[in-house]
Amino acid sequence: MLHPSYTDLMKVVNSEVEEGETPVVNSRYSIVLATAKRARQIIAGEEPLVDAKGKKPLSIAVEELNKGKIKIMSEDASAEE
């Protein structure tokens, strides 16, 4: 079992969304894509934002997301930047 759960990760990602607004993440698939992308960045040499000692890149990415160190942006927000 994945700890934290997908539901917990979705709550963390959507925690800054105001009541009535569209959530940033609507599915587990979005969580999987975001963590996989971050894991590839770590493999490519980017510095982890949490303690990475003895952990695999995907575990690091999940922990970063859970602690709010990385953000998933909606398509609208990423298009504006």
C-alpha atoms as a PDB file:
ATOM      1  CA  MET A   1       0.000   0.000   0.000  1.00  0.00           C
ATOM      2  CA  LEU A   2       1.165   3.491  -0.819  1.00  0.00           C
ATOM      3  CA  HIS A   3       1.716   5.799   2.148  1.00  0.00           C
ATOM      4  CA  PRO A   4       0.426   8.456   1.970  1.00  0.00           C
ATOM      5  CA  SER A   5      -2.634   7.334   0.038  1.00  0.00           C
ATOM      6  CA  TYR A   6      -3.729   8.880  -3.252  1.00  0.00           C
ATOM      7  CA  THR A   7      -6.635  10.485  -1.413  1.00  0.00           C
ATOM      8  CA  ASP A   8      -4.290  12.131   1.085  1.00  0.00           C
ATOM      9  CA  LEU A   9      -2.063  13.434  -1.718  1.00  0.00           C
ATOM     10  CA  MET A  10      -5.066  14.832  -3.579  1.00  0.00           C
ATOM     11  CA  LYS A  11      -6.150  16.673  -0.411  1.00  0.00           C
ATOM     12  CA  VAL A  12      -2.675  18.202  -0.027  1.00  0.00           C
ATOM     13  CA  VAL A  13      -2.554  19.329  -3.662  1.00  0.00           C
ATOM     14  CA  ASN A  14      -6.072  20.770  -3.562  1.00  0.00           C
ATOM     15  CA  SER A  15      -5.694  22.359  -0.111  1.00  0.00           C
ATOM     16  CA  GLU A  16      -5.173  25.867  -1.507  1.00  0.00           C
ATOM     17  CA  VAL A  17      -8.255  25.717  -3.758  1.00  0.00           C
ATOM     18  CA  GLU A  18     -11.082  27.973  -2.617  1.00  0.00           C
ATOM     19  CA  GLU A  19     -14.546  26.544  -1.967  1.00  0.00           C
ATOM     20  CA  GLY A  20     -16.444  26.245  -5.249  1.00  0.00           C
ATOM     21  CA  GLU A  21     -13.356  26.420  -7.492  1.00  0.00           C
ATOM     22  CA  THR A  22     -12.254  23.574  -9.711  1.00  0.00           C
ATOM     23  CA  PRO A  23      -9.717  21.332  -7.942  1.00  0.00           C
ATOM     24  CA  VAL A  24      -6.197  21.196  -9.383  1.00  0.00           C
ATOM     25  CA  VAL A  25      -6.185  17.393  -9.269  1.00  0.00           C
ATOM     26  CA  ASN A  26      -9.268  15.319 -10.004  1.00  0.00           C
ATOM     27  CA  SER A  27      -7.788  11.842 -10.337  1.00  0.00           C
ATOM     28  CA  ARG A  28      -5.100   9.453  -9.228  1.00  0.00           C
ATOM     29  CA  TYR A  29      -3.680   9.609 -12.735  1.00  0.00           C
ATOM     30  CA  SER A  30      -2.696  13.265 -12.214  1.00  0.00           C
ATOM     31  CA  ILE A  31      -0.840  12.340  -9.022  1.00  0.00           C
ATOM     32  CA  VAL A  32       0.984   9.511 -10.809  1.00  0.00           C
ATOM     33  CA  LEU A  33       2.019  11.787 -13.699  1.00  0.00           C
ATOM     34  CA  ALA A  34       3.256  14.530 -11.386  1.00  0.00           C
ATOM     35  CA  THR A  35       5.293  12.235  -9.153  1.00  0.00           C
ATOM     36  CA  ALA A  36       6.755  10.368 -12.131  1.00  0.00           C
ATOM     37  CA  LYS A  37       7.816  13.658 -13.719  1.00  0.00           C
ATOM     38  CA  ARG A  38       9.461  14.814 -10.481  1.00  0.00           C
ATOM     39  CA  ALA A  39      11.177  11.427 -10.045  1.00  0.00           C
ATOM     40  CA  ARG A  40      12.659  11.773 -13.557  1.00  0.00           C
ATOM     41  CA  GLN A  41      13.932  15.248 -12.627  1.00  0.00           C
ATOM     42  CA  ILE A  42      15.630  13.827  -9.536  1.00  0.00           C
ATOM     43  CA  ILE A  43      17.180  11.024 -11.591  1.00  0.00           C
ATOM     44  CA  ALA A  44      18.449  13.662 -14.050  1.00  0.00           C
ATOM     45  CA  GLY A  45      20.326  15.377 -11.228  1.00  0.00           C
ATOM     46  CA  GLU A  46      17.995  17.902  -9.597  1.00  0.00           C
ATOM     47  CA  GLU A  47      18.415  18.240  -5.849  1.00  0.00           C
ATOM     48  CA  PRO A  48      15.729  16.604  -3.703  1.00  0.00           C
ATOM     49  CA  LEU A  49      13.760  19.007  -1.499  1.00  0.00           C
ATOM     50  CA  VAL A  50      13.489  16.488   1.361  1.00  0.00           C
ATOM     51  CA  ASP A  51      15.883  14.058   3.031  1.00  0.00           C
ATOM     52  CA  ALA A  52      16.744  11.549   0.302  1.00  0.00           C
ATOM     53  CA  LYS A  53      19.151   9.316   2.144  1.00  0.00           C
ATOM     54  CA  GLY A  54      18.496   5.709   1.125  1.00  0.00           C
ATOM     55  CA  LYS A  55      15.276   6.483  -0.748  1.00  0.00           C
ATOM     56  CA  LYS A  56      14.342   5.855  -4.350  1.00  0.00           C
ATOM     57  CA  PRO A  57      13.474   8.824  -6.615  1.00  0.00           C
ATOM     58  CA  LEU A  58       9.750   8.039  -6.702  1.00  0.00           C
ATOM     59  CA  SER A  59       9.561   7.830  -2.908  1.00  0.00           C
ATOM     60  CA  ILE A  60      11.322  11.185  -2.699  1.00  0.00           C
ATOM     61  CA  ALA A  61       8.858  12.715  -5.182  1.00  0.00           C
ATOM     62  CA  VAL A  62       5.846  11.422  -3.235  1.00  0.00           C
ATOM     63  CA  GLU A  63       7.275  12.786   0.024  1.00  0.00           C
ATOM     64  CA  GLU A  64       7.962  16.178  -1.595  1.00  0.00           C
ATOM     65  CA  LEU A  65       4.382  16.347  -2.846  1.00  0.00           C
ATOM     66  CA  ASN A  66       2.951  15.283   0.509  1.00  0.00           C
ATOM     67  CA  LYS A  67       4.983  17.912   2.392  1.00  0.00           C
ATOM     68  CA  GLY A  68       3.971  20.645  -0.043  1.00  0.00           C
ATOM     69  CA  LYS A  69       7.520  21.193  -1.323  1.00  0.00           C
ATOM     70  CA  ILE A  70       6.326  20.867  -4.933  1.00  0.00           C
ATOM     71  CA  LYS A  71       3.064  22.006  -6.465  1.00  0.00           C
ATOM     72  CA  ILE A  72       0.935  20.644  -9.269  1.00  0.00           C
ATOM     73  CA  MET A  73      -0.341  23.497 -11.386  1.00  0.00           C
ATOM     74  CA  SER A  74      -3.564  23.426 -13.357  1.00  0.00           C
ATOM     75  CA  GLU A  75      -3.304  23.714 -17.140  1.00  0.00           C
ATOM     76  CA  ASP A  76      -4.721  27.251 -16.964  1.00  0.00           C
ATOM     77  CA  ALA A  77      -2.072  28.416 -14.484  1.00  0.00           C
ATOM     78  CA  SER A  78       0.822  26.844 -16.403  1.00  0.00           C
ATOM     79  CA  ALA A  79      -0.365  28.440 -19.660  1.00  0.00           C
ATOM     80  CA  GLU A  80      -0.312  31.896 -18.013  1.00  0.00           C
ATOM     81  CA  GLU A  81       3.348  31.499 -16.977  1.00  0.00           C
END
